[in-house]
Amino acid sequence: MARYYFDVHDGGPRFDDTGTELAELENVREQAKRLLPDIAREEIPREGDQRTFTVLVKDEGGKPVYSATLTFAGLWLHGQAEPVHLS
């Protein structure tokens, strides 16, 4: 099994120092697809409507082998006011 490192970029890089052992290269894509929604669920800003999350996967030698991006974009529709937040 080979070890792959899943670095997360969502406004600032978070580097994977531990890595994940995977049996096949195809598992890299599957792992990235599972990881992105989990990150987005925790990190989408409460006050904002725009955010991009990227996972850059590197092999044991530090060579990039896969990249995946998930973008959240919210937009208030015509006639709908943005809610007022009371302190």
PDB file of N, CA and C in Angstrom:
ATOM      1  N   MET A   1       0.850  -1.183   0.000  1.00  0.00           N
ATOM      2  CA  MET A   1       0.000   0.000   0.000  1.00  0.00           C
ATOM      3  C   MET A   1       0.892   1.241   0.000  1.00  0.00           C
ATOM      4  N   ALA A   2       0.400   2.260  -0.669  1.00  0.00           N
ATOM      5  CA  ALA A   2       1.133   3.522  -0.742  1.00  0.00           C
ATOM      6  C   ALA A   2       0.475   4.554   0.175  1.00  0.00           C
ATOM      7  N   ARG A   3       1.271   5.503   0.633  1.00  0.00           N
ATOM      8  CA  ARG A   3       0.762   6.570   1.498  1.00  0.00           C
ATOM      9  C   ARG A   3       0.565   7.835   0.667  1.00  0.00           C
ATOM     10  N   TYR A   4      -0.598   8.470   0.872  1.00  0.00           N
ATOM     11  CA  TYR A   4      -0.941   9.708   0.177  1.00  0.00           C
ATOM     12  C   TYR A   4      -1.286  10.778   1.202  1.00  0.00           C
ATOM     13  N   TYR A   5      -0.961  12.015   0.861  1.00  0.00           N
ATOM     14  CA  TYR A   5      -1.173  13.147   1.755  1.00  0.00           C
ATOM     15  C   TYR A   5      -2.226  14.073   1.157  1.00  0.00           C
ATOM     16  N   PHE A   6      -3.244  14.383   1.955  1.00  0.00           N
ATOM     17  CA  PHE A   6      -4.396  15.158   1.509  1.00  0.00           C
ATOM     18  C   PHE A   6      -4.319  16.561   2.117  1.00  0.00           C
ATOM     19  N   ASP A   7      -3.706  17.484   1.382  1.00  0.00           N
ATOM     20  CA  ASP A   7      -3.591  18.866   1.840  1.00  0.00           C
ATOM     21  C   ASP A   7      -4.866  19.619   1.490  1.00  0.00           C
ATOM     22  N   VAL A   8      -5.389  20.378   2.453  1.00  0.00           N
ATOM     23  CA  VAL A   8      -6.644  21.108   2.278  1.00  0.00           C
ATOM     24  C   VAL A   8      -6.335  22.589   2.110  1.00  0.00           C
ATOM     25  N   HIS A   9      -6.949  23.198   1.102  1.00  0.00           N
ATOM     26  CA  HIS A   9      -6.809  24.637   0.854  1.00  0.00           C
ATOM     27  C   HIS A   9      -8.208  25.241   0.876  1.00  0.00           C
ATOM     28  N   ASP A  10      -8.450  26.093   1.872  1.00  0.00           N
ATOM     29  CA  ASP A  10      -9.765  26.737   1.994  1.00  0.00           C
ATOM     30  C   ASP A  10      -9.599  28.150   2.544  1.00  0.00           C
ATOM     31  N   GLY A  11      -8.750  28.914   1.886  1.00  0.00           N
ATOM     32  CA  GLY A  11      -8.439  30.247   2.356  1.00  0.00           C
ATOM     33  C   GLY A  11      -7.044  30.284   2.969  1.00  0.00           C
ATOM     34  N   GLY A  12      -6.556  29.154   3.340  1.00  0.00           N
ATOM     35  CA  GLY A  12      -5.212  28.979   3.869  1.00  0.00           C
ATOM     36  C   GLY A  12      -4.902  27.500   3.845  1.00  0.00           C
ATOM     37  N   PRO A  13      -3.668  27.124   3.597  1.00  0.00           N
ATOM     38  CA  PRO A  13      -3.365  25.696   3.488  1.00  0.00           C
ATOM     39  C   PRO A  13      -3.309  25.005   4.846  1.00  0.00           C
ATOM     40  N   ARG A  14      -3.778  23.770   4.860  1.00  0.00           N
ATOM     41  CA  ARG A  14      -3.622  22.870   6.010  1.00  0.00           C
ATOM     42  C   ARG A  14      -2.964  21.611   5.460  1.00  0.00           C
ATOM     43  N   PHE A  15      -1.751  21.379   5.889  1.00  0.00           N
ATOM     44  CA  PHE A  15      -0.974  20.280   5.336  1.00  0.00           C
ATOM     45  C   PHE A  15      -1.174  19.001   6.143  1.00  0.00           C
ATOM     46  N   ASP A  16      -1.352  17.912   5.427  1.00  0.00           N
ATOM     47  CA  ASP A  16      -1.522  16.584   6.014  1.00  0.00           C
ATOM     48  C   ASP A  16      -0.137  16.021   6.308  1.00  0.00           C
ATOM     49  N   ASP A  17       0.223  15.955   7.576  1.00  0.00           N
ATOM     50  CA  ASP A  17       1.534  15.443   7.966  1.00  0.00           C
ATOM     51  C   ASP A  17       1.540  13.936   8.200  1.00  0.00           C
ATOM     52  N   THR A  18       0.351  13.348   8.332  1.00  0.00           N
ATOM     53  CA  THR A  18       0.239  11.931   8.654  1.00  0.00           C
ATOM     54  C   THR A  18       0.084  11.066   7.413  1.00  0.00           C
ATOM     55  N   GLY A  19      -0.789  11.500   6.512  1.00  0.00           N
ATOM     56  CA  GLY A  19      -1.062  10.727   5.311  1.00  0.00           C
ATOM     57  C   GLY A  19      -2.017   9.579   5.564  1.00  0.00           C
ATOM     58  N   THR A  20      -2.450   8.958   4.474  1.00  0.00           N
ATOM     59  CA  THR A  20      -3.381   7.838   4.513  1.00  0.00           C
ATOM     60  C   THR A  20      -2.864   6.754   3.585  1.00  0.00           C
ATOM     61  N   GLU A  21      -2.815   5.532   4.072  1.00  0.00           N
ATOM     62  CA  GLU A  21      -2.395   4.414   3.230  1.00  0.00           C
ATOM     63  C   GLU A  21      -3.590   3.919   2.429  1.00  0.00           C
ATOM     64  N   LEU A  22      -3.390   3.804   1.126  1.00  0.00           N
ATOM     65  CA  LEU A  22      -4.451   3.351   0.228  1.00  0.00           C
ATOM     66  C   LEU A  22      -3.911   2.254  -0.681  1.00  0.00           C
ATOM     67  N   ALA A  23      -4.769   1.280  -0.973  1.00  0.00           N
ATOM     68  CA  ALA A  23      -4.357   0.113  -1.751  1.00  0.00           C
ATOM     69  C   ALA A  23      -4.186   0.421  -3.237  1.00  0.00           C
ATOM     70  N   GLU A  24      -5.038   1.288  -3.784  1.00  0.00           N
ATOM     71  CA  GLU A  24      -5.014   1.565  -5.220  1.00  0.00           C
ATOM     72  C   GLU A  24      -5.094   3.065  -5.462  1.00  0.00           C
ATOM     73  N   LEU A  25      -4.573   3.503  -6.588  1.00  0.00           N
ATOM     74  CA  LEU A  25      -4.605   4.921  -6.937  1.00  0.00           C
ATOM     75  C   LEU A  25      -6.039   5.436  -7.039  1.00  0.00           C
ATOM     76  N   GLU A  26      -6.972   4.615  -7.505  1.00  0.00           N
ATOM     77  CA  GLU A  26      -8.381   5.017  -7.611  1.00  0.00           C
ATOM     78  C   GLU A  26      -8.947   5.405  -6.246  1.00  0.00           C
ATOM     79  N   ASN A  27      -8.432   4.817  -5.180  1.00  0.00           N
ATOM     80  CA  ASN A  27      -8.894   5.143  -3.830  1.00  0.00           C
ATOM     81  C   ASN A  27      -8.582   6.582  -3.441  1.00  0.00           C
ATOM     82  N   VAL A  28      -7.584   7.186  -4.083  1.00  0.00           N
ATOM     83  CA  VAL A  28      -7.247   8.591  -3.828  1.00  0.00           C
ATOM     84  C   VAL A  28      -8.441   9.472  -4.179  1.00  0.00           C
ATOM     85  N   ARG A  29      -9.015   9.255  -5.348  1.00  0.00           N
ATOM     86  CA  ARG A  29     -10.174  10.044  -5.784  1.00  0.00           C
ATOM     87  C   ARG A  29     -11.353   9.827  -4.852  1.00  0.00           C
ATOM     88  N   GLU A  30     -11.612   8.592  -4.494  1.00  0.00           N
ATOM     89  CA  GLU A  30     -12.736   8.285  -3.599  1.00  0.00           C
ATOM     90  C   GLU A  30     -12.568   8.967  -2.247  1.00  0.00           C
ATOM     91  N   GLN A  31     -11.352   8.944  -1.711  1.00  0.00           N
ATOM     92  CA  GLN A  31     -11.087   9.577  -0.420  1.00  0.00           C
ATOM     93  C   GLN A  31     -11.274  11.096  -0.506  1.00  0.00           C
ATOM     94  N   ALA A  32     -10.805  11.713  -1.581  1.00  0.00           N
ATOM     95  CA  ALA A  32     -10.972  13.162  -1.761  1.00  0.00           C
ATOM     96  C   ALA A  32     -12.452  13.524  -1.874  1.00  0.00           C
ATOM     97  N   LYS A  33     -13.225  12.701  -2.568  1.00  0.00           N
ATOM     98  CA  LYS A  33     -14.664  12.956  -2.714  1.00  0.00           C
ATOM     99  C   LYS A  33     -15.392  12.855  -1.376  1.00  0.00           C
ATOM    100  N   ARG A  34     -14.938  12.000  -0.498  1.00  0.00           N
ATOM    101  CA  ARG A  34     -15.546  11.899   0.842  1.00  0.00           C
ATOM    102  C   ARG A  34     -15.101  13.047   1.742  1.00  0.00           C
ATOM    103  N   LEU A  35     -13.864  13.454   1.597  1.00  0.00           N
ATOM    104  CA  LEU A  35     -13.283  14.475   2.467  1.00  0.00           C
ATOM    105  C   LEU A  35     -13.877  15.866   2.229  1.00  0.00           C
ATOM    106  N   LEU A  36     -14.063  16.260   0.985  1.00  0.00           N
ATOM    107  CA  LEU A  36     -14.519  17.619   0.673  1.00  0.00           C
ATOM    108  C   LEU A  36     -15.866  17.981   1.296  1.00  0.00           C
ATOM    109  N   PRO A  37     -16.910  17.175   1.174  1.00  0.00           N
ATOM    110  CA  PRO A  37     -18.182  17.550   1.814  1.00  0.00           C
ATOM    111  C   PRO A  37     -18.081  17.646   3.336  1.00  0.00           C
ATOM    112  N   ASP A  38     -17.269  16.788   3.946  1.00  0.00           N
ATOM    113  CA  ASP A  38     -17.089  16.860   5.397  1.00  0.00           C
ATOM    114  C   ASP A  38     -16.459  18.187   5.801  1.00  0.00           C
ATOM    115  N   ILE A  39     -15.459  18.616   5.065  1.00  0.00           N
ATOM    116  CA  ILE A  39     -14.807  19.894   5.347  1.00  0.00           C
ATOM    117  C   ILE A  39     -15.787  21.041   5.134  1.00  0.00           C
ATOM    118  N   ALA A  40     -16.511  21.016   4.028  1.00  0.00           N
ATOM    119  CA  ALA A  40     -17.457  22.092   3.717  1.00  0.00           C
ATOM    120  C   ALA A  40     -18.531  22.213   4.787  1.00  0.00           C
ATOM    121  N   ARG A  41     -19.026  21.095   5.269  1.00  0.00           N
ATOM    122  CA  ARG A  41     -20.069  21.110   6.299  1.00  0.00           C
ATOM    123  C   ARG A  41     -19.609  21.869   7.541  1.00  0.00           C
ATOM    124  N   GLU A  42     -18.344  21.738   7.874  1.00  0.00           N
ATOM    125  CA  GLU A  42     -17.794  22.382   9.072  1.00  0.00           C
ATOM    126  C   GLU A  42     -17.309  23.804   8.820  1.00  0.00           C
ATOM    127  N   GLU A  43     -16.926  24.121   7.597  1.00  0.00           N
ATOM    128  CA  GLU A  43     -16.204  25.362   7.338  1.00  0.00           C
ATOM    129  C   GLU A  43     -16.958  26.442   6.568  1.00  0.00           C
ATOM    130  N   ILE A  44     -18.123  26.148   6.004  1.00  0.00           N
ATOM    131  CA  ILE A  44     -18.849  27.193   5.270  1.00  0.00           C
ATOM    132  C   ILE A  44     -19.195  28.300   6.251  1.00  0.00           C
ATOM    133  N   PRO A  45     -18.820  29.538   5.950  1.00  0.00           N
ATOM    134  CA  PRO A  45     -19.048  30.628   6.894  1.00  0.00           C
ATOM    135  C   PRO A  45     -20.529  30.914   7.097  1.00  0.00           C
ATOM    136  N   ARG A  46     -20.897  31.179   8.338  1.00  0.00           N
ATOM    137  CA  ARG A  46     -22.291  31.478   8.662  1.00  0.00           C
ATOM    138  C   ARG A  46     -22.744  32.792   8.028  1.00  0.00           C
ATOM    139  N   GLU A  47     -21.864  33.739   7.918  1.00  0.00           N
ATOM    140  CA  GLU A  47     -22.208  35.063   7.406  1.00  0.00           C
ATOM    141  C   GLU A  47     -21.907  35.215   5.919  1.00  0.00           C
ATOM    142  N   GLY A  48     -21.256  34.265   5.316  1.00  0.00           N
ATOM    143  CA  GLY A  48     -20.829  34.421   3.932  1.00  0.00           C
ATOM    144  C   GLY A  48     -21.530  33.467   2.990  1.00  0.00           C
ATOM    145  N   ASP A  49     -21.440  33.780   1.716  1.00  0.00           N
ATOM    146  CA  ASP A  49     -22.095  32.970   0.701  1.00  0.00           C
ATOM    147  C   ASP A  49     -21.131  32.456  -0.364  1.00  0.00           C
ATOM    148  N   GLN A  50     -19.842  32.605  -0.143  1.00  0.00           N
ATOM    149  CA  GLN A  50     -18.866  32.156  -1.133  1.00  0.00           C
ATOM    150  C   GLN A  50     -17.726  31.443  -0.419  1.00  0.00           C
ATOM    151  N   ARG A  51     -17.381  30.267  -0.900  1.00  0.00           N
ATOM    152  CA  ARG A  51     -16.229  29.555  -0.334  1.00  0.00           C
ATOM    153  C   ARG A  51     -15.818  28.445  -1.287  1.00  0.00           C
ATOM    154  N   THR A  52     -14.533  28.292  -1.479  1.00  0.00           N
ATOM    155  CA  THR A  52     -13.993  27.227  -2.312  1.00  0.00           C
ATOM    156  C   THR A  52     -13.068  26.359  -1.469  1.00  0.00           C
ATOM    157  N   PHE A  53     -13.229  25.062  -1.599  1.00  0.00           N
ATOM    158  CA  PHE A  53     -12.426  24.090  -0.866  1.00  0.00           C
ATOM    159  C   PHE A  53     -11.691  23.220  -1.881  1.00  0.00           C
ATOM    160  N   THR A  54     -10.402  23.075  -1.707  1.00  0.00           N
ATOM    161  CA  THR A  54      -9.606  22.246  -2.608  1.00  0.00           C
ATOM    162  C   THR A  54      -8.787  21.252  -1.797  1.00  0.00           C
ATOM    163  N   VAL A  55      -8.726  20.029  -2.287  1.00  0.00           N
ATOM    164  CA  VAL A  55      -7.847  19.014  -1.716  1.00  0.00           C
ATOM    165  C   VAL A  55      -6.792  18.691  -2.774  1.00  0.00           C
ATOM    166  N   LEU A  56      -5.537  18.859  -2.403  1.00  0.00           N
ATOM    167  CA  LEU A  56      -4.425  18.496  -3.270  1.00  0.00           C
ATOM    168  C   LEU A  56      -3.767  17.261  -2.663  1.00  0.00           C
ATOM    169  N   VAL A  57      -3.756  16.184  -3.425  1.00  0.00           N
ATOM    170  CA  VAL A  57      -3.222  14.917  -2.926  1.00  0.00           C
ATOM    171  C   VAL A  57      -1.821  14.710  -3.496  1.00  0.00           C
ATOM    172  N   LYS A  58      -0.898  14.393  -2.595  1.00  0.00           N
ATOM    173  CA  LYS A  58       0.485  14.140  -2.999  1.00  0.00           C
ATOM    174  C   LYS A  58       0.883  12.716  -2.615  1.00  0.00           C
ATOM    175  N   ASP A  59       1.785  12.143  -3.397  1.00  0.00           N
ATOM    176  CA  ASP A  59       2.286  10.808  -3.071  1.00  0.00           C
ATOM    177  C   ASP A  59       3.405  10.911  -2.036  1.00  0.00           C
ATOM    178  N   GLU A  60       4.005   9.791  -1.704  1.00  0.00           N
ATOM    179  CA  GLU A  60       5.044   9.757  -0.665  1.00  0.00           C
ATOM    180  C   GLU A  60       6.257  10.610  -1.003  1.00  0.00           C
ATOM    181  N   GLY A  61       6.493  10.830  -2.281  1.00  0.00           N
ATOM    182  CA  GLY A  61       7.616  11.655  -2.715  1.00  0.00           C
ATOM    183  C   GLY A  61       7.286  13.134  -2.798  1.00  0.00           C
ATOM    184  N   GLY A  62       6.040  13.503  -2.479  1.00  0.00           N
ATOM    185  CA  GLY A  62       5.620  14.903  -2.532  1.00  0.00           C
ATOM    186  C   GLY A  62       5.095  15.342  -3.887  1.00  0.00           C
ATOM    187  N   LYS A  63       4.971  14.397  -4.824  1.00  0.00           N
ATOM    188  CA  LYS A  63       4.479  14.713  -6.168  1.00  0.00           C
ATOM    189  C   LYS A  63       2.953  14.775  -6.154  1.00  0.00           C
ATOM    190  N   PRO A  64       2.353  15.886  -6.650  1.00  0.00           N
ATOM    191  CA  PRO A  64       0.888  15.956  -6.741  1.00  0.00           C
ATOM    192  C   PRO A  64       0.360  14.898  -7.710  1.00  0.00           C
ATOM    193  N   VAL A  65      -0.683  14.168  -7.255  1.00  0.00           N
ATOM    194  CA  VAL A  65      -1.265  13.121  -8.092  1.00  0.00           C
ATOM    195  C   VAL A  65      -2.745  13.353  -8.375  1.00  0.00           C
ATOM    196  N   TYR A  66      -3.403  14.194  -7.562  1.00  0.00           N
ATOM    197  CA  TYR A  66      -4.840  14.417  -7.755  1.00  0.00           C
ATOM    198  C   TYR A  66      -5.233  15.709  -7.056  1.00  0.00           C
ATOM    199  N   SER A  67      -6.184  16.419  -7.653  1.00  0.00           N
ATOM    200  CA  SER A  67      -6.729  17.629  -7.051  1.00  0.00           C
ATOM    201  C   SER A  67      -8.237  17.629  -7.258  1.00  0.00           C
ATOM    202  N   ALA A  68      -8.969  18.019  -6.217  1.00  0.00           N
ATOM    203  CA  ALA A  68     -10.428  18.105  -6.305  1.00  0.00           C
ATOM    204  C   ALA A  68     -10.869  19.398  -5.631  1.00  0.00           C
ATOM    205  N   THR A  69     -11.887  20.044  -6.196  1.00  0.00           N
ATOM    206  CA  THR A  69     -12.382  21.317  -5.678  1.00  0.00           C
ATOM    207  C   THR A  69     -13.887  21.269  -5.524  1.00  0.00           C
ATOM    208  N   LEU A  70     -14.364  21.824  -4.415  1.00  0.00           N
ATOM    209  CA  LEU A  70     -15.793  21.963  -4.148  1.00  0.00           C
ATOM    210  C   LEU A  70     -16.046  23.435  -3.863  1.00  0.00           C
ATOM    211  N   THR A  71     -17.026  24.028  -4.557  1.00  0.00           N
ATOM    212  CA  THR A  71     -17.338  25.445  -4.380  1.00  0.00           C
ATOM    213  C   THR A  71     -18.745  25.608  -3.849  1.00  0.00           C
ATOM    214  N   PHE A  72     -18.875  26.435  -2.808  1.00  0.00           N
ATOM    215  CA  PHE A  72     -20.184  26.825  -2.289  1.00  0.00           C
ATOM    216  C   PHE A  72     -20.421  28.257  -2.728  1.00  0.00           C
ATOM    217  N   ALA A  73     -21.577  28.502  -3.357  1.00  0.00           N
ATOM    218  CA  ALA A  73     -21.950  29.851  -3.771  1.00  0.00           C
ATOM    219  C   ALA A  73     -23.431  30.045  -3.495  1.00  0.00           C
ATOM    220  N   GLY A  74     -23.743  30.920  -2.545  1.00  0.00           N
ATOM    221  CA  GLY A  74     -25.127  31.245  -2.222  1.00  0.00           C
ATOM    222  C   GLY A  74     -25.467  32.619  -2.774  1.00  0.00           C
ATOM    223  N   LEU A  75     -26.719  32.811  -3.151  1.00  0.00           N
ATOM    224  CA  LEU A  75     -27.142  34.076  -3.736  1.00  0.00           C
ATOM    225  C   LEU A  75     -28.585  34.347  -3.358  1.00  0.00           C
ATOM    226  N   TRP A  76     -28.825  35.517  -2.765  1.00  0.00           N
ATOM    227  CA  TRP A  76     -30.199  35.916  -2.483  1.00  0.00           C
ATOM    228  C   TRP A  76     -30.887  36.245  -3.801  1.00  0.00           C
ATOM    229  N   LEU A  77     -32.095  35.732  -3.997  1.00  0.00           N
ATOM    230  CA  LEU A  77     -32.835  35.939  -5.234  1.00  0.00           C
ATOM    231  C   LEU A  77     -33.565  37.269  -5.202  1.00  0.00           C
ATOM    232  N   HIS A  78     -33.879  37.794  -6.360  1.00  0.00           N
ATOM    233  CA  HIS A  78     -34.551  39.086  -6.502  1.00  0.00           C
ATOM    234  C   HIS A  78     -35.804  39.128  -5.629  1.00  0.00           C
ATOM    235  N   GLY A  79     -35.938  40.194  -4.866  1.00  0.00           N
ATOM    236  CA  GLY A  79     -37.119  40.368  -4.028  1.00  0.00           C
ATOM    237  C   GLY A  79     -36.977  39.782  -2.642  1.00  0.00           C
ATOM    238  N   GLN A  80     -35.910  39.069  -2.414  1.00  0.00           N
ATOM    239  CA  GLN A  80     -35.681  38.480  -1.100  1.00  0.00           C
ATOM    240  C   GLN A  80     -34.595  39.276  -0.388  1.00  0.00           C
ATOM    241  N   ALA A  81     -34.928  39.773   0.778  1.00  0.00           N
ATOM    242  CA  ALA A  81     -33.961  40.542   1.551  1.00  0.00           C
ATOM    243  C   ALA A  81     -33.081  39.604   2.361  1.00  0.00           C
ATOM    244  N   GLU A  82     -31.833  40.005   2.517  1.00  0.00           N
ATOM    245  CA  GLU A  82     -30.939  39.249   3.384  1.00  0.00           C
ATOM    246  C   GLU A  82     -31.429  39.403   4.815  1.00  0.00           C
ATOM    247  N   PRO A  83     -31.462  38.325   5.603  1.00  0.00           N
ATOM    248  CA  PRO A  83     -31.969  38.421   6.969  1.00  0.00           C
ATOM    249  C   PRO A  83     -31.114  39.345   7.826  1.00  0.00           C
ATOM    250  N   VAL A  84     -31.760  40.018   8.745  1.00  0.00           N
ATOM    251  CA  VAL A  84     -31.079  40.914   9.670  1.00  0.00           C
ATOM    252  C   VAL A  84     -30.717  40.115  10.912  1.00  0.00           C
ATOM    253  N   HIS A  85     -29.472  40.219  11.327  1.00  0.00           N
ATOM    254  CA  HIS A  85     -29.008  39.524  12.526  1.00  0.00           C
ATOM    255  C   HIS A  85     -29.004  40.506  13.679  1.00  0.00           C
ATOM    256  N   LEU A  86     -29.780  40.212  14.712  1.00  0.00           N
ATOM    257  CA  LEU A  86     -29.835  41.072  15.885  1.00  0.00           C
ATOM    258  C   LEU A  86     -28.794  40.626  16.894  1.00  0.00           C
ATOM    259  N   SER A  87     -28.112  41.581  17.472  1.00  0.00           N
ATOM    260  CA  SER A  87     -27.079  41.259  18.470  1.00  0.00           C
ATOM    261  C   SER A  87     -27.690  41.002  19.813  1.00  0.00           C
TER     262      SER A  87
END
